[in-house]
Amino acid sequence: MRVQAGSLSFDVAQEEIEPLAGEEVLEPRGTVSGQAEAASPNRGAGICTPLKSVSPTLEIIGQRAEEARNILEKYLDDAIVAGLENVAVIHGSGKGVLRRVVEEVLRNHSCVAEYGLDRDVPGGTGVTRVRLKG
């Protein structure tokens, strides 16, 4: 089965695919109740529409460090799958705890091309701009 997620596309054995807990199960495009439509160009392709759009901005102000880490890691994965190239993480200025968590996650994430504080806007030290690898 050919699966497409954002700009990524790959082959997966159908028996390896299972729905995530709490997620809506979608029928592949070009099928009606599992039956392929004869005229569909995607017949049997298993291409599904995205479940949600991803905002180019994530705000984690007020989160505990570990919660912020988990939220940011999931957000980066979602942003990559959605094909976003540039995102902003709003962590606030405060004592710098969340800024350090954000920096650590971004430094160790394989799909982050570069990142830095947005010093060009008021309150810029509370926002980190991220460019993702394409």
Protein backbone atom coordinates (compact mmCIF):
# COMPACT_ATOMS: atom_id res chain seq x y z
CA MET A 1 0.00 0.00 0.00
CA ARG A 2 1.35 3.46 -0.90
CA VAL A 3 1.00 5.92 2.00
CA GLN A 4 1.45 9.68 1.72
CA ALA A 5 1.92 11.98 4.71
CA GLY A 6 2.46 15.58 3.69
CA SER A 7 5.29 15.59 1.17
CA LEU A 8 6.53 12.14 2.22
CA SER A 9 5.41 9.03 0.36
CA PHE A 10 6.36 5.41 1.05
CA ASP A 11 5.24 1.78 0.66
CA VAL A 12 3.89 -0.06 3.70
CA ALA A 13 2.41 -3.54 4.01
CA GLN A 14 -1.30 -3.19 4.81
CA GLU A 15 -1.01 -5.53 7.81
CA GLU A 16 1.50 -3.08 9.35
CA ILE A 17 -1.02 -0.22 9.36
CA GLU A 18 -3.26 0.34 12.36
CA PRO A 19 -5.19 3.41 13.55
CA LEU A 20 -3.85 5.49 16.42
CA ALA A 21 -5.93 5.40 19.59
CA GLY A 22 -8.58 8.11 19.46
CA GLU A 23 -7.95 8.99 15.79
CA GLU A 24 -10.58 8.84 13.08
CA VAL A 25 -10.08 6.00 10.58
CA LEU A 26 -10.18 7.34 7.02
CA GLU A 27 -10.87 5.35 3.89
CA PRO A 28 -8.17 5.62 1.21
CA ARG A 29 -8.99 8.09 -1.56
CA GLY A 30 -10.56 6.38 -4.51
CA THR A 31 -12.50 3.87 -2.44
CA VAL A 32 -16.04 3.57 -1.22
CA SER A 33 -16.39 1.41 1.90
CA GLY A 34 -13.15 -0.38 1.01
CA GLN A 35 -14.21 -1.09 -2.61
CA ALA A 36 -11.99 0.54 -5.24
CA GLU A 37 -13.72 2.75 -7.78
CA ALA A 38 -12.96 1.63 -11.32
CA ALA A 39 -12.21 5.13 -12.66
CA SER A 40 -10.09 6.34 -9.73
CA PRO A 41 -6.48 7.25 -10.58
CA ASN A 42 -5.57 6.48 -6.93
CA ARG A 43 -7.19 3.05 -6.94
CA GLY A 44 -5.40 0.94 -4.36
CA ALA A 45 -2.91 3.72 -3.63
CA GLY A 46 -4.02 4.09 0.00
CA ILE A 47 -3.59 7.86 -0.02
CA CYS A 48 -5.56 9.50 2.80
CA THR A 49 -6.33 13.14 3.37
CA PRO A 50 -4.59 14.89 6.29
CA LEU A 51 -6.42 14.80 9.63
CA LYS A 52 -5.68 18.42 10.56
CA SER A 53 -3.76 21.49 9.55
CA VAL A 54 -0.73 22.59 11.54
CA SER A 55 -0.24 26.16 12.71
CA PRO A 56 3.12 27.78 11.93
CA THR A 57 3.21 28.94 15.57
CA LEU A 58 3.32 26.95 18.81
CA GLU A 59 2.81 28.61 22.20
CA ILE A 60 4.09 26.74 25.25
CA ILE A 61 4.07 29.56 27.81
CA GLY A 62 2.97 28.24 31.21
CA GLN A 63 3.86 24.60 30.50
CA ARG A 64 6.15 22.60 32.76
CA ALA A 65 9.49 21.73 31.17
CA GLU A 66 8.72 18.06 30.48
CA GLU A 67 5.23 18.84 29.13
CA ALA A 68 6.72 21.53 26.89
CA ARG A 69 9.33 19.06 25.61
CA ASN A 70 6.68 16.49 24.68
CA ILE A 71 4.40 19.09 23.08
CA LEU A 72 7.28 20.56 21.05
CA GLU A 73 8.52 17.16 19.82
CA LYS A 74 5.04 16.20 18.62
CA TYR A 75 4.53 19.65 17.07
CA LEU A 76 7.80 19.38 15.10
CA ASP A 77 6.78 15.97 13.77
CA ASP A 78 3.35 17.34 12.76
CA ALA A 79 4.94 20.42 11.13
CA ILE A 80 7.32 18.26 9.10
CA VAL A 81 4.54 15.96 7.91
CA ALA A 82 2.45 19.04 7.01
CA GLY A 83 5.33 20.35 4.92
CA LEU A 84 5.99 23.53 6.92
CA GLU A 85 9.40 25.08 6.32
CA ASN A 86 9.42 27.80 8.99
CA VAL A 87 7.76 27.76 12.41
CA ALA A 88 7.87 29.86 15.57
CA VAL A 89 7.86 28.58 19.14
CA ILE A 90 6.59 31.09 21.72
CA HIS A 91 8.12 30.17 25.07
CA GLY A 92 8.19 33.58 26.78
CA SER A 93 11.13 35.28 28.46
CA GLY A 94 10.72 34.51 32.18
CA LYS A 95 13.61 32.68 33.83
CA GLY A 96 14.60 30.98 30.56
CA VAL A 97 13.63 27.44 31.56
CA LEU A 98 11.36 26.88 28.55
CA ARG A 99 13.81 28.61 26.20
CA ARG A 100 16.51 26.15 27.28
CA VAL A 101 14.13 23.18 26.78
CA VAL A 102 13.25 24.47 23.31
CA GLU A 103 16.92 24.93 22.44
CA GLU A 104 17.78 21.40 23.60
CA VAL A 105 14.94 19.81 21.60
CA LEU A 106 15.82 21.79 18.47
CA ARG A 107 19.57 21.13 18.79
CA ASN A 108 18.93 17.37 18.90
CA HIS A 109 16.14 17.13 16.28
CA SER A 110 17.36 15.70 12.97
CA CYS A 111 14.90 17.72 10.85
CA VAL A 112 15.82 21.17 12.22
CA ALA A 113 18.06 23.08 9.81
CA GLU A 114 18.54 26.16 12.01
CA TYR A 115 16.93 28.11 14.84
CA GLY A 116 17.39 31.29 16.79
CA LEU A 117 15.68 33.92 18.93
CA ASP A 118 13.56 36.43 17.04
CA ARG A 119 15.36 39.59 18.20
CA ASP A 120 13.75 41.71 15.44
CA VAL A 121 10.40 42.04 17.22
CA PRO A 122 9.47 43.38 20.68
CA GLY A 123 9.65 40.51 23.16
CA GLY A 124 11.76 38.61 20.62
CA THR A 125 13.78 36.74 23.21
CA GLY A 126 10.55 34.93 24.08
CA VAL A 127 10.17 33.56 20.54
CA THR A 128 12.39 31.05 18.75
CA ARG A 129 12.20 30.88 14.95
CA VAL A 130 12.87 27.47 13.40
CA ARG A 131 13.71 26.49 9.83
CA LEU A 132 12.98 22.86 9.11
CA LYS A 133 14.88 20.75 6.59
CA GLY A 134 12.98 20.32 3.34
